[in-house]
PDB file of N, CA and C in Angstrom:
ATOM      1  N   MET A   1     -16.879  18.519   0.567  1.00  0.00           N
ATOM      2  CA  MET A   1     -17.028  18.320  -0.774  1.00  0.00           C
ATOM      3  C   MET A   1     -15.643  17.221  -0.971  1.00  0.00           C
ATOM      4  N   PRO A   2     -15.662  16.335  -1.342  1.00  0.00           N
ATOM      5  CA  PRO A   2     -14.261  15.589  -1.849  1.00  0.00           C
ATOM      6  C   PRO A   2     -14.078  15.568  -3.121  1.00  0.00           C
ATOM      7  N   ASN A   3     -12.489  15.906  -3.141  1.00  0.00           N
ATOM      8  CA  ASN A   3     -11.765  16.528  -4.335  1.00  0.00           C
ATOM      9  C   ASN A   3     -11.512  15.186  -5.145  1.00  0.00           C
ATOM     10  N   PHE A   4     -12.264  14.994  -6.102  1.00  0.00           N
ATOM     11  CA  PHE A   4     -11.440  13.763  -6.960  1.00  0.00           C
ATOM     12  C   PHE A   4     -10.576  14.368  -8.088  1.00  0.00           C
ATOM     13  N   VAL A   5      -9.693  13.271  -8.311  1.00  0.00           N
ATOM     14  CA  VAL A   5      -8.562  13.240  -9.169  1.00  0.00           C
ATOM     15  C   VAL A   5      -8.481  12.094  -9.935  1.00  0.00           C
ATOM     16  N   ARG A   6      -8.489  12.408 -11.313  1.00  0.00           N
ATOM     17  CA  ARG A   6      -8.295  11.137 -12.216  1.00  0.00           C
ATOM     18  C   ARG A   6      -6.806  10.449 -11.954  1.00  0.00           C
ATOM     19  N   VAL A   7      -6.669   9.398 -11.920  1.00  0.00           N
ATOM     20  CA  VAL A   7      -5.470   8.492 -11.590  1.00  0.00           C
ATOM     21  C   VAL A   7      -5.398   7.367 -12.510  1.00  0.00           C
ATOM     22  N   ALA A   8      -6.348   6.978 -13.346  1.00  0.00           N
ATOM     23  CA  ALA A   8      -6.415   6.044 -14.654  1.00  0.00           C
ATOM     24  C   ALA A   8      -7.573   6.223 -15.302  1.00  0.00           C
ATOM     25  N   GLY A   9      -7.493   5.576 -16.407  1.00  0.00           N
ATOM     26  CA  GLY A   9      -8.159   5.067 -17.572  1.00  0.00           C
ATOM     27  C   GLY A   9      -9.249   3.955 -17.092  1.00  0.00           C
ATOM     28  N   SER A  10     -10.294   3.973 -17.339  1.00  0.00           N
ATOM     29  CA  SER A  10     -10.965   2.662 -17.318  1.00  0.00           C
ATOM     30  C   SER A  10     -10.629   1.489 -17.873  1.00  0.00           C
ATOM     31  N   ASN A  11      -9.982   1.529 -18.751  1.00  0.00           N
ATOM     32  CA  ASN A  11      -9.809   0.407 -19.585  1.00  0.00           C
ATOM     33  C   ASN A  11      -8.157   0.126 -19.422  1.00  0.00           C
ATOM     34  N   ASP A  12      -7.455   0.529 -18.150  1.00  0.00           N
ATOM     35  CA  ASP A  12      -6.419   0.230 -17.671  1.00  0.00           C
ATOM     36  C   ASP A  12      -6.048  -0.693 -17.084  1.00  0.00           C
ATOM     37  N   LEU A  13      -7.303  -1.058 -16.227  1.00  0.00           N
ATOM     38  CA  LEU A  13      -7.204  -2.270 -15.685  1.00  0.00           C
ATOM     39  C   LEU A  13      -8.443  -3.112 -15.628  1.00  0.00           C
ATOM     40  N   LYS A  14      -8.135  -4.607 -16.152  1.00  0.00           N
ATOM     41  CA  LYS A  14      -9.152  -5.548 -16.294  1.00  0.00           C
ATOM     42  C   LYS A  14      -9.783  -5.997 -14.897  1.00  0.00           C
ATOM     43  N   PRO A  15     -10.802  -6.406 -14.906  1.00  0.00           N
ATOM     44  CA  PRO A  15     -11.779  -7.169 -13.697  1.00  0.00           C
ATOM     45  C   PRO A  15     -10.644  -7.967 -13.310  1.00  0.00           C
ATOM     46  N   GLY A  16     -10.338  -7.921 -11.903  1.00  0.00           N
ATOM     47  CA  GLY A  16      -8.985  -8.953 -11.237  1.00  0.00           C
ATOM     48  C   GLY A  16      -7.666  -8.433 -11.179  1.00  0.00           C
ATOM     49  N   GLU A  17      -7.612  -7.155 -11.816  1.00  0.00           N
ATOM     50  CA  GLU A  17      -6.340  -6.511 -11.898  1.00  0.00           C
ATOM     51  C   GLU A  17      -5.955  -5.257 -10.814  1.00  0.00           C
ATOM     52  N   ASN A  18      -4.903  -5.002 -10.502  1.00  0.00           N
ATOM     53  CA  ASN A  18      -4.587  -3.942  -9.796  1.00  0.00           C
ATOM     54  C   ASN A  18      -3.307  -3.055  -9.710  1.00  0.00           C
ATOM     55  N   LYS A  19      -2.947  -2.114  -9.533  1.00  0.00           N
ATOM     56  CA  LYS A  19      -2.006  -1.227  -9.884  1.00  0.00           C
ATOM     57  C   LYS A  19      -1.482  -0.264  -8.695  1.00  0.00           C
ATOM     58  N   VAL A  20      -0.716   0.270  -8.397  1.00  0.00           N
ATOM     59  CA  VAL A  20      -0.289   1.568  -7.574  1.00  0.00           C
ATOM     60  C   VAL A  20      -0.421   3.016  -8.539  1.00  0.00           C
ATOM     61  N   VAL A  21      -1.354   3.837  -8.140  1.00  0.00           N
ATOM     62  CA  VAL A  21      -1.530   4.756  -9.156  1.00  0.00           C
ATOM     63  C   VAL A  21      -1.067   6.345  -7.782  1.00  0.00           C
ATOM     64  N   ASN A  22      -1.065   7.426  -8.365  1.00  0.00           N
ATOM     65  CA  ASN A  22      -0.782   8.331  -7.310  1.00  0.00           C
ATOM     66  C   ASN A  22      -1.946   9.664  -7.470  1.00  0.00           C
ATOM     67  N   ALA A  23      -2.532  10.009  -6.477  1.00  0.00           N
ATOM     68  CA  ALA A  23      -3.648  10.757  -6.376  1.00  0.00           C
ATOM     69  C   ALA A  23      -3.043  12.074  -5.177  1.00  0.00           C
ATOM     70  N   ASN A  24      -2.763  12.975  -6.283  1.00  0.00           N
ATOM     71  CA  ASN A  24      -2.369  14.260  -5.459  1.00  0.00           C
ATOM     72  C   ASN A  24      -1.146  14.196  -4.380  1.00  0.00           C
ATOM     73  N   GLY A  25      -0.544  13.147  -4.902  1.00  0.00           N
ATOM     74  CA  GLY A  25       0.923  12.854  -3.995  1.00  0.00           C
ATOM     75  C   GLY A  25       1.044  11.547  -3.138  1.00  0.00           C
ATOM     76  N   THR A  26      -0.505  11.001  -3.218  1.00  0.00           N
ATOM     77  CA  THR A  26      -0.504  10.015  -2.293  1.00  0.00           C
ATOM     78  C   THR A  26      -0.333   8.484  -3.133  1.00  0.00           C
ATOM     79  N   ASP A  27       0.490   7.842  -2.813  1.00  0.00           N
ATOM     80  CA  ASP A  27       0.269   6.224  -3.469  1.00  0.00           C
ATOM     81  C   ASP A  27      -0.816   5.760  -2.750  1.00  0.00           C
ATOM     82  N   VAL A  28      -1.539   5.410  -3.969  1.00  0.00           N
ATOM     83  CA  VAL A  28      -3.254   4.714  -3.576  1.00  0.00           C
ATOM     84  C   VAL A  28      -2.935   3.147  -4.670  1.00  0.00           C
ATOM     85  N   ALA A  29      -3.632   2.047  -3.735  1.00  0.00           N
ATOM     86  CA  ALA A  29      -3.759   0.655  -4.608  1.00  0.00           C
ATOM     87  C   ALA A  29      -5.004   1.104  -5.025  1.00  0.00           C
ATOM     88  N   LEU A  30      -4.757   0.709  -6.377  1.00  0.00           N
ATOM     89  CA  LEU A  30      -6.263   0.581  -7.270  1.00  0.00           C
ATOM     90  C   LEU A  30      -6.472  -0.452  -7.538  1.00  0.00           C
ATOM     91  N   PHE A  31      -7.938  -0.959  -7.704  1.00  0.00           N
ATOM     92  CA  PHE A  31      -8.536  -2.272  -7.558  1.00  0.00           C
ATOM     93  C   PHE A  31      -9.735  -2.365  -8.716  1.00  0.00           C
ATOM     94  N   ASN A  32      -9.729  -3.171  -9.863  1.00  0.00           N
ATOM     95  CA  ASN A  32     -10.792  -3.385 -10.548  1.00  0.00           C
ATOM     96  C   ASN A  32     -11.634  -5.051 -10.014  1.00  0.00           C
ATOM     97  N   VAL A  33     -12.545  -5.045  -9.213  1.00  0.00           N
ATOM     98  CA  VAL A  33     -13.182  -6.203  -8.962  1.00  0.00           C
ATOM     99  C   VAL A  33     -14.849  -6.309  -9.675  1.00  0.00           C
ATOM    100  N   ASP A  34     -14.331  -7.154 -10.479  1.00  0.00           N
ATOM    101  CA  ASP A  34     -15.520  -7.513 -11.454  1.00  0.00           C
ATOM    102  C   ASP A  34     -16.401  -6.301 -11.919  1.00  0.00           C
ATOM    103  N   GLY A  35     -15.517  -5.365 -12.299  1.00  0.00           N
ATOM    104  CA  GLY A  35     -15.654  -4.071 -13.336  1.00  0.00           C
ATOM    105  C   GLY A  35     -16.230  -2.639 -12.581  1.00  0.00           C
ATOM    106  N   GLU A  36     -15.789  -3.087 -10.824  1.00  0.00           N
ATOM    107  CA  GLU A  36     -15.969  -1.882 -10.024  1.00  0.00           C
ATOM    108  C   GLU A  36     -15.085  -1.751  -9.446  1.00  0.00           C
ATOM    109  N   PHE A  37     -14.193  -0.347  -9.332  1.00  0.00           N
ATOM    110  CA  PHE A  37     -13.143   0.153  -9.010  1.00  0.00           C
ATOM    111  C   PHE A  37     -12.998   0.284  -7.392  1.00  0.00           C
ATOM    112  N   PHE A  38     -11.945   0.094  -6.793  1.00  0.00           N
ATOM    113  CA  PHE A  38     -11.701   0.497  -5.484  1.00  0.00           C
ATOM    114  C   PHE A  38     -10.627   0.543  -5.166  1.00  0.00           C
ATOM    115  N   ALA A  39     -10.070   1.479  -4.050  1.00  0.00           N
ATOM    116  CA  ALA A  39      -8.851   2.346  -3.745  1.00  0.00           C
ATOM    117  C   ALA A  39      -9.046   2.508  -2.440  1.00  0.00           C
ATOM    118  N   ILE A  40      -7.777   1.538  -2.290  1.00  0.00           N
ATOM    119  CA  ILE A  40      -7.218   1.955  -0.434  1.00  0.00           C
ATOM    120  C   ILE A  40      -5.961   2.228  -0.521  1.00  0.00           C
ATOM    121  N   SER A  41      -5.378   2.456   0.599  1.00  0.00           N
ATOM    122  CA  SER A  41      -3.755   2.802   0.896  1.00  0.00           C
ATOM    123  C   SER A  41      -3.026   2.000   0.074  1.00  0.00           C
ATOM    124  N   ASN A  42      -1.632   2.458  -0.088  1.00  0.00           N
ATOM    125  CA  ASN A  42      -0.504   1.214  -0.764  1.00  0.00           C
ATOM    126  C   ASN A  42       0.413   1.032   0.061  1.00  0.00           C
ATOM    127  N   THR A  43      -0.090   1.264   1.490  1.00  0.00           N
ATOM    128  CA  THR A  43       0.980   0.671   2.541  1.00  0.00           C
ATOM    129  C   THR A  43       0.500  -0.005   3.279  1.00  0.00           C
ATOM    130  N   CYS A  44       0.881  -1.471   3.433  1.00  0.00           N
ATOM    131  CA  CYS A  44       0.411  -2.464   4.068  1.00  0.00           C
ATOM    132  C   CYS A  44       1.033  -1.793   5.757  1.00  0.00           C
ATOM    133  N   LEU A  45      -0.131  -2.394   6.874  1.00  0.00           N
ATOM    134  CA  LEU A  45      -0.009  -1.965   8.296  1.00  0.00           C
ATOM    135  C   LEU A  45       1.264  -2.478   8.732  1.00  0.00           C
ATOM    136  N   HIS A  46       1.542  -4.290   8.005  1.00  0.00           N
ATOM    137  CA  HIS A  46       2.639  -4.616   9.042  1.00  0.00           C
ATOM    138  C   HIS A  46       3.908  -4.262   8.486  1.00  0.00           C
ATOM    139  N   ARG A  47       4.517  -4.170   7.555  1.00  0.00           N
ATOM    140  CA  ARG A  47       5.579  -3.404   7.374  1.00  0.00           C
ATOM    141  C   ARG A  47       5.882  -2.685   6.380  1.00  0.00           C
ATOM    142  N   GLY A  48       4.820  -1.912   5.785  1.00  0.00           N
ATOM    143  CA  GLY A  48       4.702  -1.075   4.552  1.00  0.00           C
ATOM    144  C   GLY A  48       4.672  -1.409   3.297  1.00  0.00           C
ATOM    145  N   GLY A  49       4.679  -2.896   2.892  1.00  0.00           N
ATOM    146  CA  GLY A  49       4.163  -3.424   1.753  1.00  0.00           C
ATOM    147  C   GLY A  49       3.800  -2.964   0.937  1.00  0.00           C
ATOM    148  N   PRO A  50       3.854  -2.912  -0.377  1.00  0.00           N
ATOM    149  CA  PRO A  50       3.160  -2.174  -1.617  1.00  0.00           C
ATOM    150  C   PRO A  50       1.529  -2.794  -1.683  1.00  0.00           C
ATOM    151  N   LEU A  51       0.523  -2.546  -1.476  1.00  0.00           N
ATOM    152  CA  LEU A  51      -0.572  -3.355  -1.743  1.00  0.00           C
ATOM    153  C   LEU A  51      -1.262  -3.630  -2.942  1.00  0.00           C
ATOM    154  N   GLY A  52      -0.804  -2.410  -3.854  1.00  0.00           N
ATOM    155  CA  GLY A  52      -1.096  -2.337  -5.335  1.00  0.00           C
ATOM    156  C   GLY A  52      -0.314  -3.099  -6.239  1.00  0.00           C
ATOM    157  N   GLU A  53       0.585  -3.633  -5.428  1.00  0.00           N
ATOM    158  CA  GLU A  53       1.523  -5.002  -6.532  1.00  0.00           C
ATOM    159  C   GLU A  53       1.307  -6.197  -5.584  1.00  0.00           C
ATOM    160  N   GLY A  54      -0.085  -6.137  -4.669  1.00  0.00           N
ATOM    161  CA  GLY A  54      -0.380  -7.502  -4.259  1.00  0.00           C
ATOM    162  C   GLY A  54      -1.065  -8.369  -5.025  1.00  0.00           C
ATOM    163  N   PHE A  55      -1.623  -9.691  -4.480  1.00  0.00           N
ATOM    164  CA  PHE A  55      -2.647 -10.479  -5.370  1.00  0.00           C
ATOM    165  C   PHE A  55      -3.756 -10.399  -4.872  1.00  0.00           C
ATOM    166  N   LEU A  56      -4.842 -10.250  -5.896  1.00  0.00           N
ATOM    167  CA  LEU A  56      -6.075  -9.786  -5.619  1.00  0.00           C
ATOM    168  C   LEU A  56      -6.971 -10.963  -5.940  1.00  0.00           C
ATOM    169  N   GLU A  57      -7.633 -11.671  -4.800  1.00  0.00           N
ATOM    170  CA  GLU A  57      -8.326 -12.637  -5.198  1.00  0.00           C
ATOM    171  C   GLU A  57      -9.845 -12.320  -4.384  1.00  0.00           C
ATOM    172  N   GLY A  58     -10.761 -12.154  -5.455  1.00  0.00           N
ATOM    173  CA  GLY A  58     -12.054 -11.746  -5.024  1.00  0.00           C
ATOM    174  C   GLY A  58     -12.023 -10.119  -4.896  1.00  0.00           C
ATOM    175  N   ASP A  59     -12.410  -9.994  -3.751  1.00  0.00           N
ATOM    176  CA  ASP A  59     -12.296  -8.250  -2.990  1.00  0.00           C
ATOM    177  C   ASP A  59     -11.152  -8.464  -1.959  1.00  0.00           C
ATOM    178  N   VAL A  60      -9.957  -9.357  -2.298  1.00  0.00           N
ATOM    179  CA  VAL A  60      -9.134  -9.340  -0.828  1.00  0.00           C
ATOM    180  C   VAL A  60      -7.839  -9.173  -1.678  1.00  0.00           C
ATOM    181  N   VAL A  61      -6.842  -8.635  -1.105  1.00  0.00           N
ATOM    182  CA  VAL A  61      -5.523  -8.243  -1.774  1.00  0.00           C
ATOM    183  C   VAL A  61      -4.587  -8.863  -0.568  1.00  0.00           C
ATOM    184  N   THR A  62      -3.804  -9.713  -1.119  1.00  0.00           N
ATOM    185  CA  THR A  62      -2.949 -10.256  -0.296  1.00  0.00           C
ATOM    186  C   THR A  62      -1.380  -9.335  -0.584  1.00  0.00           C
ATOM    187  N   CYS A  63      -0.661  -8.657   0.710  1.00  0.00           N
ATOM    188  CA  CYS A  63       0.172  -7.862   0.529  1.00  0.00           C
ATOM    189  C   CYS A  63       1.543  -9.149   0.144  1.00  0.00           C
ATOM    190  N   PRO A  64       2.296  -8.413  -1.207  1.00  0.00           N
ATOM    191  CA  PRO A  64       3.326  -9.528  -1.696  1.00  0.00           C
ATOM    192  C   PRO A  64       4.519  -9.491  -0.643  1.00  0.00           C
ATOM    193  N   TRP A  65       4.642  -8.657   0.110  1.00  0.00           N
ATOM    194  CA  TRP A  65       5.915  -9.097   1.111  1.00  0.00           C
ATOM    195  C   TRP A  65       5.625 -10.186   2.115  1.00  0.00           C
ATOM    196  N   HIS A  66       4.490  -9.732   2.881  1.00  0.00           N
ATOM    197  CA  HIS A  66       4.177 -11.093   4.359  1.00  0.00           C
ATOM    198  C   HIS A  66       3.311 -11.608   4.223  1.00  0.00           C
ATOM    199  N   GLY A  67       2.064 -11.310   3.481  1.00  0.00           N
ATOM    200  CA  GLY A  67       0.804 -12.079   3.267  1.00  0.00           C
ATOM    201  C   GLY A  67      -0.246 -11.846   3.844  1.00  0.00           C
ATOM    202  N   TRP A  68      -0.367 -10.495   4.441  1.00  0.00           N
ATOM    203  CA  TRP A  68      -1.216 -10.108   5.175  1.00  0.00           C
ATOM    204  C   TRP A  68      -2.314  -9.349   4.069  1.00  0.00           C
ATOM    205  N   ARG A  69      -3.754  -9.817   4.617  1.00  0.00           N
ATOM    206  CA  ARG A  69      -4.688  -9.680   3.281  1.00  0.00           C
ATOM    207  C   ARG A  69      -5.676  -8.804   3.993  1.00  0.00           C
ATOM    208  N   TYR A  70      -6.257  -7.896   3.249  1.00  0.00           N
ATOM    209  CA  TYR A  70      -6.902  -6.722   3.343  1.00  0.00           C
ATOM    210  C   TYR A  70      -8.303  -6.731   2.243  1.00  0.00           C
ATOM    211  N   ASN A  71      -9.773  -6.265   2.776  1.00  0.00           N
ATOM    212  CA  ASN A  71     -10.525  -6.104   1.964  1.00  0.00           C
ATOM    213  C   ASN A  71     -10.433  -4.849   1.316  1.00  0.00           C
ATOM    214  N   VAL A  72     -10.555  -5.029  -0.245  1.00  0.00           N
ATOM    215  CA  VAL A  72     -10.051  -3.678  -1.056  1.00  0.00           C
ATOM    216  C   VAL A  72     -11.328  -2.943  -0.821  1.00  0.00           C
ATOM    217  N   LYS A  73     -12.449  -3.365  -0.726  1.00  0.00           N
ATOM    218  CA  LYS A  73     -13.854  -2.423  -0.602  1.00  0.00           C
ATOM    219  C   LYS A  73     -13.934  -1.482   0.873  1.00  0.00           C
ATOM    220  N   THR A  74     -12.935  -2.317   1.753  1.00  0.00           N
ATOM    221  CA  THR A  74     -13.436  -1.175   3.318  1.00  0.00           C
ATOM    222  C   THR A  74     -11.968  -0.873   3.798  1.00  0.00           C
ATOM    223  N   GLY A  75     -10.928  -1.993   3.644  1.00  0.00           N
ATOM    224  CA  GLY A  75      -9.789  -1.706   3.907  1.00  0.00           C
ATOM    225  C   GLY A  75      -9.233  -2.457   5.170  1.00  0.00           C
ATOM    226  N   ALA A  76     -10.455  -2.843   5.734  1.00  0.00           N
ATOM    227  CA  ALA A  76     -10.064  -3.859   6.998  1.00  0.00           C
ATOM    228  C   ALA A  76      -9.310  -5.173   6.550  1.00  0.00           C
ATOM    229  N   ASN A  77      -8.553  -5.543   7.775  1.00  0.00           N
ATOM    230  CA  ASN A  77      -7.666  -6.535   7.342  1.00  0.00           C
ATOM    231  C   ASN A  77      -8.342  -7.861   7.401  1.00  0.00           C
ATOM    232  N   ALA A  78      -7.994  -8.703   6.561  1.00  0.00           N
ATOM    233  CA  ALA A  78      -9.181 -10.038   6.966  1.00  0.00           C
ATOM    234  C   ALA A  78      -9.096 -10.750   8.142  1.00  0.00           C
ATOM    235  N   MET A  79      -8.037 -10.973   9.042  1.00  0.00           N
ATOM    236  CA  MET A  79      -7.914 -11.544  10.217  1.00  0.00           C
ATOM    237  C   MET A  79      -8.440 -10.554  11.168  1.00  0.00           C
ATOM    238  N   LEU A  80      -7.876  -9.266  11.337  1.00  0.00           N
ATOM    239  CA  LEU A  80      -8.232  -8.466  12.402  1.00  0.00           C
ATOM    240  C   LEU A  80      -9.237  -7.470  11.708  1.00  0.00           C
ATOM    241  N   PRO A  81     -10.256  -7.257  11.576  1.00  0.00           N
ATOM    242  CA  PRO A  81     -10.946  -6.067  11.104  1.00  0.00           C
ATOM    243  C   PRO A  81     -10.959  -4.918  11.575  1.00  0.00           C
ATOM    244  N   THR A  82     -10.809  -4.942  12.843  1.00  0.00           N
ATOM    245  CA  THR A  82     -10.168  -3.406  13.429  1.00  0.00           C
ATOM    246  C   THR A  82      -8.841  -2.844  13.108  1.00  0.00           C
ATOM    247  N   ALA A  83      -8.234  -3.833  12.411  1.00  0.00           N
ATOM    248  CA  ALA A  83      -7.132  -3.182  11.702  1.00  0.00           C
ATOM    249  C   ALA A  83      -7.182  -2.803  10.308  1.00  0.00           C
ATOM    250  N   LYS A  84      -7.338  -1.410   9.879  1.00  0.00           N
ATOM    251  CA  LYS A  84      -7.450  -0.944   8.538  1.00  0.00           C
ATOM    252  C   LYS A  84      -6.634  -0.023   7.763  1.00  0.00           C
ATOM    253  N   VAL A  85      -6.318  -0.010   6.728  1.00  0.00           N
ATOM    254  CA  VAL A  85      -5.803   0.856   6.061  1.00  0.00           C
ATOM    255  C   VAL A  85      -6.994   1.767   5.338  1.00  0.00           C
ATOM    256  N   ALA A  86      -6.378   3.003   5.172  1.00  0.00           N
ATOM    257  CA  ALA A  86      -7.274   4.392   4.735  1.00  0.00           C
ATOM    258  C   ALA A  86      -7.952   3.278   3.263  1.00  0.00           C
ATOM    259  N   SER A  87      -9.165   3.697   3.357  1.00  0.00           N
ATOM    260  CA  SER A  87     -10.196   3.356   2.003  1.00  0.00           C
ATOM    261  C   SER A  87     -10.360   4.706   1.270  1.00  0.00           C
ATOM    262  N   TYR A  88     -10.522   4.897  -0.147  1.00  0.00           N
ATOM    263  CA  TYR A  88     -10.639   6.029  -0.848  1.00  0.00           C
ATOM    264  C   TYR A  88     -12.002   5.913  -1.672  1.00  0.00           C
ATOM    265  N   GLN A  89     -12.845   6.979  -1.769  1.00  0.00           N
ATOM    266  CA  GLN A  89     -14.062   7.072  -2.577  1.00  0.00           C
ATOM    267  C   GLN A  89     -13.400   7.003  -3.983  1.00  0.00           C
ATOM    268  N   VAL A  90     -14.023   6.247  -5.065  1.00  0.00           N
ATOM    269  CA  VAL A  90     -14.011   6.286  -6.260  1.00  0.00           C
ATOM    270  C   VAL A  90     -14.953   6.368  -7.108  1.00  0.00           C
ATOM    271  N   LYS A  91     -15.022   7.003  -8.241  1.00  0.00           N
ATOM    272  CA  LYS A  91     -16.078   7.005  -9.362  1.00  0.00           C
ATOM    273  C   LYS A  91     -15.397   7.115 -10.619  1.00  0.00           C
ATOM    274  N   VAL A  92     -16.181   6.534 -11.512  1.00  0.00           N
ATOM    275  CA  VAL A  92     -16.116   6.550 -13.093  1.00  0.00           C
ATOM    276  C   VAL A  92     -16.634   7.754 -13.150  1.00  0.00           C
ATOM    277  N   GLU A  93     -15.983   8.598 -14.408  1.00  0.00           N
ATOM    278  CA  GLU A  93     -16.643   9.500 -15.585  1.00  0.00           C
ATOM    279  C   GLU A  93     -16.364   9.327 -16.270  1.00  0.00           C
ATOM    280  N   GLY A  94     -16.981   8.839 -17.759  1.00  0.00           N
ATOM    281  CA  GLY A  94     -16.787   8.711 -18.974  1.00  0.00           C
ATOM    282  C   GLY A  94     -15.490   7.153 -19.039  1.00  0.00           C
ATOM    283  N   SER A  95     -14.565   7.888 -19.091  1.00  0.00           N
ATOM    284  CA  SER A  95     -13.057   6.284 -19.115  1.00  0.00           C
ATOM    285  C   SER A  95     -12.384   6.942 -17.913  1.00  0.00           C
ATOM    286  N   ASP A  96     -12.809   7.712 -17.185  1.00  0.00           N
ATOM    287  CA  ASP A  96     -11.681   8.519 -16.078  1.00  0.00           C
ATOM    288  C   ASP A  96     -12.152   7.608 -14.887  1.00  0.00           C
ATOM    289  N   VAL A  97     -11.331   7.006 -14.495  1.00  0.00           N
ATOM    290  CA  VAL A  97     -11.269   6.785 -13.001  1.00  0.00           C
ATOM    291  C   VAL A  97     -10.718   7.633 -12.008  1.00  0.00           C
ATOM    292  N   MET A  98     -11.528   7.864 -11.061  1.00  0.00           N
ATOM    293  CA  MET A  98     -11.450   9.240 -10.381  1.00  0.00           C
ATOM    294  C   MET A  98     -11.375   8.628  -8.983  1.00  0.00           C
ATOM    295  N   VAL A  99     -10.013   9.429  -8.325  1.00  0.00           N
ATOM    296  CA  VAL A  99     -10.191   8.702  -6.430  1.00  0.00           C
ATOM    297  C   VAL A  99     -10.149  10.124  -5.875  1.00  0.00           C
ATOM    298  N   ALA A 100     -11.029  10.275  -4.588  1.00  0.00           N
ATOM    299  CA  ALA A 100     -10.865  11.348  -3.880  1.00  0.00           C
ATOM    300  C   ALA A 100      -9.922  10.839  -2.850  1.00  0.00           C
ATOM    301  N   VAL A 101      -8.622  11.694  -2.244  1.00  0.00           N
ATOM    302  CA  VAL A 101      -8.120  12.024  -1.090  1.00  0.00           C
ATOM    303  C   VAL A 101      -8.040  13.390  -0.340  1.00  0.00           C
ATOM    304  N   ASP A 102      -7.721  12.946   0.945  1.00  0.00           N
ATOM    305  CA  ASP A 102      -7.946  14.409   1.566  1.00  0.00           C
ATOM    306  C   ASP A 102      -6.479  14.815   1.392  1.00  0.00           C
TER     307      ASP A 102
END
């Protein structure tokens, strides 16, 4: 059973926004896509750029360092779908955004 921890309030991110949060010592990139929350690893596979500080367009984030793009719903790289960053389960309880990390 996943262990969910609170990482943000549901009002902390408006649709189209993202930020870096910490879940049990793990930096996670949190995204609000049209009112639904998604979480992936904050670390880009290319050179370790902070995906939570990237540019979100729809459900794709662009790493601010070198432009690698990832689907925030799956963690898959937009150009090479077999290259994936970790994605995490997210749920909203009341006004709390909760993320499960191992």
